[in-house]
PDB file of N, CA and C in Angstrom:
ATOM      1  N   MET A   1      20.098 -12.287   1.098  1.00  0.00           N
ATOM      2  CA  MET A   1      20.048 -11.943  -0.101  1.00  0.00           C
ATOM      3  C   MET A   1      21.375 -12.858  -1.031  1.00  0.00           C
ATOM      4  N   PRO A   2      21.466 -13.858  -0.857  1.00  0.00           N
ATOM      5  CA  PRO A   2      22.884 -14.888  -1.495  1.00  0.00           C
ATOM      6  C   PRO A   2      22.859 -14.412  -2.854  1.00  0.00           C
ATOM      7  N   ASN A   3      21.966 -14.005  -3.621  1.00  0.00           N
ATOM      8  CA  ASN A   3      22.436 -13.795  -4.743  1.00  0.00           C
ATOM      9  C   ASN A   3      22.386 -12.335  -5.674  1.00  0.00           C
ATOM     10  N   ALA A   4      22.490 -11.736  -4.405  1.00  0.00           N
ATOM     11  CA  ALA A   4      22.845  -9.891  -4.409  1.00  0.00           C
ATOM     12  C   ALA A   4      23.856  -9.685  -5.553  1.00  0.00           C
ATOM     13  N   THR A   5      23.379  -8.385  -6.294  1.00  0.00           N
ATOM     14  CA  THR A   5      23.966  -7.743  -7.487  1.00  0.00           C
ATOM     15  C   THR A   5      24.928  -6.961  -6.515  1.00  0.00           C
ATOM     16  N   PRO A   6      25.920  -6.524  -6.941  1.00  0.00           N
ATOM     17  CA  PRO A   6      26.594  -5.286  -6.668  1.00  0.00           C
ATOM     18  C   PRO A   6      26.000  -3.843  -6.308  1.00  0.00           C
ATOM     19  N   GLU A   7      24.622  -3.538  -7.237  1.00  0.00           N
ATOM     20  CA  GLU A   7      23.734  -2.428  -7.099  1.00  0.00           C
ATOM     21  C   GLU A   7      23.462  -2.815  -5.699  1.00  0.00           C
ATOM     22  N   GLN A   8      22.568  -3.894  -5.591  1.00  0.00           N
ATOM     23  CA  GLN A   8      21.462  -3.936  -4.191  1.00  0.00           C
ATOM     24  C   GLN A   8      22.374  -3.990  -3.567  1.00  0.00           C
ATOM     25  N   ILE A   9      23.708  -4.848  -3.372  1.00  0.00           N
ATOM     26  CA  ILE A   9      24.281  -4.346  -1.786  1.00  0.00           C
ATOM     27  C   ILE A   9      25.240  -3.242  -1.513  1.00  0.00           C
ATOM     28  N   GLN A  10      25.108  -1.960  -2.229  1.00  0.00           N
ATOM     29  CA  GLN A  10      25.983  -0.672  -2.498  1.00  0.00           C
ATOM     30  C   GLN A  10      24.174  -0.047  -1.746  1.00  0.00           C
ATOM     31  N   LEU A  11      22.786  -0.119  -2.212  1.00  0.00           N
ATOM     32  CA  LEU A  11      21.872   0.000  -2.322  1.00  0.00           C
ATOM     33  C   LEU A  11      21.355  -0.175  -0.732  1.00  0.00           C
ATOM     34  N   LEU A  12      21.609  -1.139  -0.130  1.00  0.00           N
ATOM     35  CA  LEU A  12      21.620  -1.569   1.553  1.00  0.00           C
ATOM     36  C   LEU A  12      22.468  -1.351   2.037  1.00  0.00           C
ATOM     37  N   ALA A  13      23.932  -0.945   1.738  1.00  0.00           N
ATOM     38  CA  ALA A  13      24.912  -0.502   2.638  1.00  0.00           C
ATOM     39  C   ALA A  13      24.617   1.352   2.792  1.00  0.00           C
ATOM     40  N   ASP A  14      23.620   1.859   1.395  1.00  0.00           N
ATOM     41  CA  ASP A  14      23.275   3.390   1.646  1.00  0.00           C
ATOM     42  C   ASP A  14      22.211   3.216   2.524  1.00  0.00           C
ATOM     43  N   LEU A  15      21.125   2.226   2.538  1.00  0.00           N
ATOM     44  CA  LEU A  15      19.798   2.565   3.368  1.00  0.00           C
ATOM     45  C   LEU A  15      20.278   2.226   5.300  1.00  0.00           C
ATOM     46  N   ARG A  16      21.291   1.976   4.973  1.00  0.00           N
ATOM     47  CA  ARG A  16      21.835   1.030   6.996  1.00  0.00           C
ATOM     48  C   ARG A  16      22.033   2.260   7.006  1.00  0.00           C
ATOM     49  N   ARG A  17      23.366   3.208   6.266  1.00  0.00           N
ATOM     50  CA  ARG A  17      23.741   4.387   6.607  1.00  0.00           C
ATOM     51  C   ARG A  17      22.711   5.313   6.979  1.00  0.00           C
ATOM     52  N   LYS A  18      21.442   5.427   5.910  1.00  0.00           N
ATOM     53  CA  LYS A  18      20.909   6.554   6.506  1.00  0.00           C
ATOM     54  C   LYS A  18      19.928   6.373   7.975  1.00  0.00           C
ATOM     55  N   MET A  19      20.106   4.599   7.856  1.00  0.00           N
ATOM     56  CA  MET A  19      19.268   4.398   9.034  1.00  0.00           C
ATOM     57  C   MET A  19      19.963   5.159  10.721  1.00  0.00           C
ATOM     58  N   ALA A  20      21.145   4.711  10.028  1.00  0.00           N
ATOM     59  CA  ALA A  20      22.328   4.844  11.395  1.00  0.00           C
ATOM     60  C   ALA A  20      22.276   7.047  11.736  1.00  0.00           C
ATOM     61  N   ASP A  21      21.870   7.420  10.654  1.00  0.00           N
ATOM     62  CA  ASP A  21      22.072   8.610  10.729  1.00  0.00           C
ATOM     63  C   ASP A  21      21.180   9.504  10.889  1.00  0.00           C
ATOM     64  N   ASN A  22      19.845   8.222  10.921  1.00  0.00           N
ATOM     65  CA  ASN A  22      18.081   8.792  10.721  1.00  0.00           C
ATOM     66  C   ASN A  22      17.766   9.990  10.185  1.00  0.00           C
ATOM     67  N   THR A  23      17.864   9.733   8.571  1.00  0.00           N
ATOM     68  CA  THR A  23      17.826  10.180   7.539  1.00  0.00           C
ATOM     69  C   THR A  23      17.098   9.303   6.180  1.00  0.00           C
ATOM     70  N   ILE A  24      16.564   8.304   6.838  1.00  0.00           N
ATOM     71  CA  ILE A  24      16.032   7.954   6.222  1.00  0.00           C
ATOM     72  C   ILE A  24      14.533   8.157   5.666  1.00  0.00           C
ATOM     73  N   THR A  25      14.104   8.232   4.735  1.00  0.00           N
ATOM     74  CA  THR A  25      12.734   8.304   4.505  1.00  0.00           C
ATOM     75  C   THR A  25      11.782   7.486   4.218  1.00  0.00           C
ATOM     76  N   ILE A  26      10.432   7.415   4.176  1.00  0.00           N
ATOM     77  CA  ILE A  26       9.568   6.357   3.639  1.00  0.00           C
ATOM     78  C   ILE A  26       9.737   5.462   2.545  1.00  0.00           C
ATOM     79  N   ASP A  27      10.285   6.888   1.005  1.00  0.00           N
ATOM     80  CA  ASP A  27      10.008   6.202   0.024  1.00  0.00           C
ATOM     81  C   ASP A  27      11.787   5.182   0.035  1.00  0.00           C
ATOM     82  N   ASP A  28      12.223   5.475   0.826  1.00  0.00           N
ATOM     83  CA  ASP A  28      14.092   4.346   0.885  1.00  0.00           C
ATOM     84  C   ASP A  28      13.459   3.295   1.682  1.00  0.00           C
ATOM     85  N   MET A  29      12.550   3.630   2.758  1.00  0.00           N
ATOM     86  CA  MET A  29      12.264   2.535   3.432  1.00  0.00           C
ATOM     87  C   MET A  29      11.379   1.141   2.105  1.00  0.00           C
ATOM     88  N   ARG A  30      10.671   1.678   1.613  1.00  0.00           N
ATOM     89  CA  ARG A  30      10.002   0.796   0.633  1.00  0.00           C
ATOM     90  C   ARG A  30      11.006   0.217  -0.400  1.00  0.00           C
ATOM     91  N   LYS A  31      11.849   1.149  -1.185  1.00  0.00           N
ATOM     92  CA  LYS A  31      12.791   0.315  -1.769  1.00  0.00           C
ATOM     93  C   LYS A  31      13.331  -0.721  -1.195  1.00  0.00           C
ATOM     94  N   GLY A  32      13.753  -0.402   0.106  1.00  0.00           N
ATOM     95  CA  GLY A  32      14.410  -1.813   1.058  1.00  0.00           C
ATOM     96  C   GLY A  32      13.971  -3.059   0.826  1.00  0.00           C
ATOM     97  N   ILE A  33      12.442  -2.796   1.411  1.00  0.00           N
ATOM     98  CA  ILE A  33      11.435  -3.653   1.644  1.00  0.00           C
ATOM     99  C   ILE A  33      10.937  -4.296   0.589  1.00  0.00           C
ATOM    100  N   GLU A  34      10.907  -3.866  -0.964  1.00  0.00           N
ATOM    101  CA  GLU A  34      10.985  -4.319  -2.064  1.00  0.00           C
ATOM    102  C   GLU A  34      12.208  -4.763  -2.785  1.00  0.00           C
ATOM    103  N   LEU A  35      13.085  -4.507  -2.270  1.00  0.00           N
ATOM    104  CA  LEU A  35      14.665  -5.155  -2.208  1.00  0.00           C
ATOM    105  C   LEU A  35      14.749  -6.274  -1.689  1.00  0.00           C
ATOM    106  N   LEU A  36      14.718  -6.455  -0.790  1.00  0.00           N
ATOM    107  CA  LEU A  36      14.385  -7.716   0.457  1.00  0.00           C
ATOM    108  C   LEU A  36      13.728  -8.395   0.057  1.00  0.00           C
ATOM    109  N   ARG A  37      12.559  -8.209  -0.478  1.00  0.00           N
ATOM    110  CA  ARG A  37      11.733  -9.126  -0.448  1.00  0.00           C
ATOM    111  C   ARG A  37      11.437  -9.757  -1.740  1.00  0.00           C
ATOM    112  N   GLY A  38      12.480  -9.197  -2.459  1.00  0.00           N
ATOM    113  CA  GLY A  38      12.348  -9.603  -3.901  1.00  0.00           C
ATOM    114  C   GLY A  38      12.258 -10.935  -4.921  1.00  0.00           C
ATOM    115  N   GLY A  39      13.117 -11.696  -4.734  1.00  0.00           N
ATOM    116  CA  GLY A  39      12.475 -13.023  -5.712  1.00  0.00           C
ATOM    117  C   GLY A  39      10.922 -14.129  -4.706  1.00  0.00           C
ATOM    118  N   ARG A  40      11.385 -13.377  -3.034  1.00  0.00           N
ATOM    119  CA  ARG A  40      10.776 -14.514  -2.472  1.00  0.00           C
ATOM    120  C   ARG A  40       9.105 -14.561  -2.990  1.00  0.00           C
ATOM    121  N   ALA A  41       8.345 -13.239  -3.216  1.00  0.00           N
ATOM    122  CA  ALA A  41       7.006 -13.156  -3.976  1.00  0.00           C
ATOM    123  C   ALA A  41       6.870 -14.454  -4.995  1.00  0.00           C
ATOM    124  N   SER A  42       7.750 -14.314  -6.303  1.00  0.00           N
ATOM    125  CA  SER A  42       7.873 -15.201  -6.895  1.00  0.00           C
ATOM    126  C   SER A  42       7.547 -16.838  -6.816  1.00  0.00           C
ATOM    127  N   ALA A  43       8.668 -16.770  -5.899  1.00  0.00           N
ATOM    128  CA  ALA A  43       9.108 -18.446  -5.302  1.00  0.00           C
ATOM    129  C   ALA A  43       7.948 -18.698  -4.818  1.00  0.00           C
ATOM    130  N   THR A  44       7.202 -17.889  -3.751  1.00  0.00           N
ATOM    131  CA  THR A  44       5.903 -18.469  -2.861  1.00  0.00           C
ATOM    132  C   THR A  44       4.745 -18.602  -4.020  1.00  0.00           C
ATOM    133  N   ALA A  45       4.772 -17.863  -5.080  1.00  0.00           N
ATOM    134  CA  ALA A  45       3.361 -17.660  -6.019  1.00  0.00           C
ATOM    135  C   ALA A  45       3.770 -19.237  -6.736  1.00  0.00           C
ATOM    136  N   ALA A  46       4.735 -19.752  -7.612  1.00  0.00           N
ATOM    137  CA  ALA A  46       5.400 -20.658  -7.911  1.00  0.00           C
ATOM    138  C   ALA A  46       4.920 -22.131  -7.293  1.00  0.00           C
ATOM    139  N   ALA A  47       5.693 -21.896  -5.936  1.00  0.00           N
ATOM    140  CA  ALA A  47       5.142 -22.985  -4.435  1.00  0.00           C
ATOM    141  C   ALA A  47       3.503 -23.116  -4.616  1.00  0.00           C
ATOM    142  N   LEU A  48       2.739 -22.385  -4.520  1.00  0.00           N
ATOM    143  CA  LEU A  48       1.240 -22.212  -4.470  1.00  0.00           C
ATOM    144  C   LEU A  48       0.862 -22.984  -5.238  1.00  0.00           C
ATOM    145  N   GLU A  49       1.393 -22.177  -6.602  1.00  0.00           N
ATOM    146  CA  GLU A  49       0.399 -22.746  -7.747  1.00  0.00           C
ATOM    147  C   GLU A  49       0.667 -24.351  -8.271  1.00  0.00           C
ATOM    148  N   SER A  50       2.038 -24.634  -7.886  1.00  0.00           N
ATOM    149  CA  SER A  50       2.210 -25.729  -8.093  1.00  0.00           C
ATOM    150  C   SER A  50       1.073 -27.499  -6.857  1.00  0.00           C
ATOM    151  N   LYS A  51       0.956 -26.796  -5.714  1.00  0.00           N
ATOM    152  CA  LYS A  51       0.362 -27.273  -4.574  1.00  0.00           C
ATOM    153  C   LYS A  51      -1.174 -27.139  -5.067  1.00  0.00           C
ATOM    154  N   ALA A  52      -1.324 -25.996  -5.611  1.00  0.00           N
ATOM    155  CA  ALA A  52      -2.844 -25.883  -5.905  1.00  0.00           C
ATOM    156  C   ALA A  52      -3.274 -26.947  -6.835  1.00  0.00           C
ATOM    157  N   SER A  53      -4.525 -27.226  -6.416  1.00  0.00           N
ATOM    158  CA  SER A  53      -5.177 -28.887  -7.459  1.00  0.00           C
ATOM    159  C   SER A  53      -6.148 -28.030  -7.956  1.00  0.00           C
ATOM    160  N   GLY A  54      -6.676 -28.494  -9.142  1.00  0.00           N
ATOM    161  CA  GLY A  54      -7.319 -29.001 -10.581  1.00  0.00           C
ATOM    162  C   GLY A  54      -7.592 -26.766 -10.488  1.00  0.00           C
ATOM    163  N   GLY A  55      -8.899 -26.545 -10.861  1.00  0.00           N
ATOM    164  CA  GLY A  55      -8.673 -25.312 -11.010  1.00  0.00           C
ATOM    165  C   GLY A  55      -8.951 -23.989  -9.361  1.00  0.00           C
ATOM    166  N   LYS A  56      -8.523 -24.480  -8.375  1.00  0.00           N
ATOM    167  CA  LYS A  56      -8.221 -23.458  -7.465  1.00  0.00           C
ATOM    168  C   LYS A  56      -7.211 -22.845  -7.894  1.00  0.00           C
ATOM    169  N   LYS A  57      -7.998 -21.511  -6.937  1.00  0.00           N
ATOM    170  CA  LYS A  57      -6.698 -20.659  -7.410  1.00  0.00           C
ATOM    171  C   LYS A  57      -5.777 -20.309  -6.280  1.00  0.00           C
ATOM    172  N   ALA A  58      -4.744 -19.674  -6.571  1.00  0.00           N
ATOM    173  CA  ALA A  58      -3.093 -19.714  -5.252  1.00  0.00           C
ATOM    174  C   ALA A  58      -3.787 -18.767  -3.959  1.00  0.00           C
ATOM    175  N   LYS A  59      -3.204 -19.060  -2.755  1.00  0.00           N
ATOM    176  CA  LYS A  59      -3.682 -17.925  -1.422  1.00  0.00           C
ATOM    177  C   LYS A  59      -3.073 -16.747  -1.979  1.00  0.00           C
ATOM    178  N   SER A  60      -3.164 -15.744  -1.374  1.00  0.00           N
ATOM    179  CA  SER A  60      -2.721 -14.263  -2.062  1.00  0.00           C
ATOM    180  C   SER A  60      -1.274 -14.629  -1.029  1.00  0.00           C
ATOM    181  N   LEU A  61      -0.275 -13.539  -1.393  1.00  0.00           N
ATOM    182  CA  LEU A  61       1.442 -13.479  -1.064  1.00  0.00           C
ATOM    183  C   LEU A  61       1.587 -12.940   0.386  1.00  0.00           C
ATOM    184  N   GLY A  62       0.778 -12.413   0.481  1.00  0.00           N
ATOM    185  CA  GLY A  62       1.006 -11.453   2.018  1.00  0.00           C
ATOM    186  C   GLY A  62       0.271  -9.883   1.780  1.00  0.00           C
ATOM    187  N   ARG A  63       1.245  -9.107   2.459  1.00  0.00           N
ATOM    188  CA  ARG A  63       0.813  -7.970   2.509  1.00  0.00           C
ATOM    189  C   ARG A  63       2.124  -6.874   1.917  1.00  0.00           C
ATOM    190  N   SER A  64       1.755  -5.638   0.962  1.00  0.00           N
ATOM    191  CA  SER A  64       2.859  -4.786   0.159  1.00  0.00           C
ATOM    192  C   SER A  64       3.463  -4.437   1.453  1.00  0.00           C
ATOM    193  N   ALA A  65       4.503  -3.617   1.231  1.00  0.00           N
ATOM    194  CA  ALA A  65       5.009  -2.677   1.958  1.00  0.00           C
ATOM    195  C   ALA A  65       4.557  -1.922   2.306  1.00  0.00           C
ATOM    196  N   ASP A  66       3.803  -0.852   1.474  1.00  0.00           N
ATOM    197  CA  ASP A  66       2.852  -0.116   1.929  1.00  0.00           C
ATOM    198  C   ASP A  66       1.762  -0.620   3.356  1.00  0.00           C
ATOM    199  N   GLU A  67       1.354  -1.834   3.108  1.00  0.00           N
ATOM    200  CA  GLU A  67       0.649  -2.042   4.303  1.00  0.00           C
ATOM    201  C   GLU A  67       1.141  -2.319   5.552  1.00  0.00           C
ATOM    202  N   MET A  68       2.449  -2.922   5.181  1.00  0.00           N
ATOM    203  CA  MET A  68       3.422  -3.338   6.519  1.00  0.00           C
ATOM    204  C   MET A  68       3.819  -1.832   6.878  1.00  0.00           C
ATOM    205  N   LEU A  69       3.939  -1.202   6.335  1.00  0.00           N
ATOM    206  CA  LEU A  69       4.282   0.258   6.916  1.00  0.00           C
ATOM    207  C   LEU A  69       3.228   1.150   7.675  1.00  0.00           C
ATOM    208  N   ALA A  70       2.319   0.571   7.038  1.00  0.00           N
ATOM    209  CA  ALA A  70       0.944   1.696   7.588  1.00  0.00           C
ATOM    210  C   ALA A  70       0.683   1.133   9.316  1.00  0.00           C
ATOM    211  N   GLU A  71       1.034  -0.315   8.821  1.00  0.00           N
ATOM    212  CA  GLU A  71       0.708  -0.892  10.600  1.00  0.00           C
ATOM    213  C   GLU A  71       1.865  -0.457  11.526  1.00  0.00           C
ATOM    214  N   LEU A  72       3.034   0.226  11.438  1.00  0.00           N
ATOM    215  CA  LEU A  72       4.030   0.803  11.876  1.00  0.00           C
ATOM    216  C   LEU A  72       3.503   2.144  12.034  1.00  0.00           C
ATOM    217  N   GLY A  73       2.429   2.670  11.479  1.00  0.00           N
ATOM    218  CA  GLY A  73       2.079   3.845  11.911  1.00  0.00           C
ATOM    219  C   GLY A  73       2.756   5.011  11.001  1.00  0.00           C
ATOM    220  N   ILE A  74       3.690   4.244   9.942  1.00  0.00           N
ATOM    221  CA  ILE A  74       4.566   5.244   8.958  1.00  0.00           C
ATOM    222  C   ILE A  74       3.947   5.935   7.936  1.00  0.00           C
TER     223      ILE A  74
END
């Protein structure tokens, strides 16, 4: 996260602490995933749209945080 705000950096530090203490919740994990994926989804969408020709629809951007957590059985 090269352009992280102080609030985002603090949130990540809090999440790391919770992971180390084994007190992290599913909701905390979702927040962390959303934060880390932040601008990537919109950048990917823009790149796909610019590459798409004519009226073709851009490809799916990937999985949501819920889908990734489900794969882990959480």
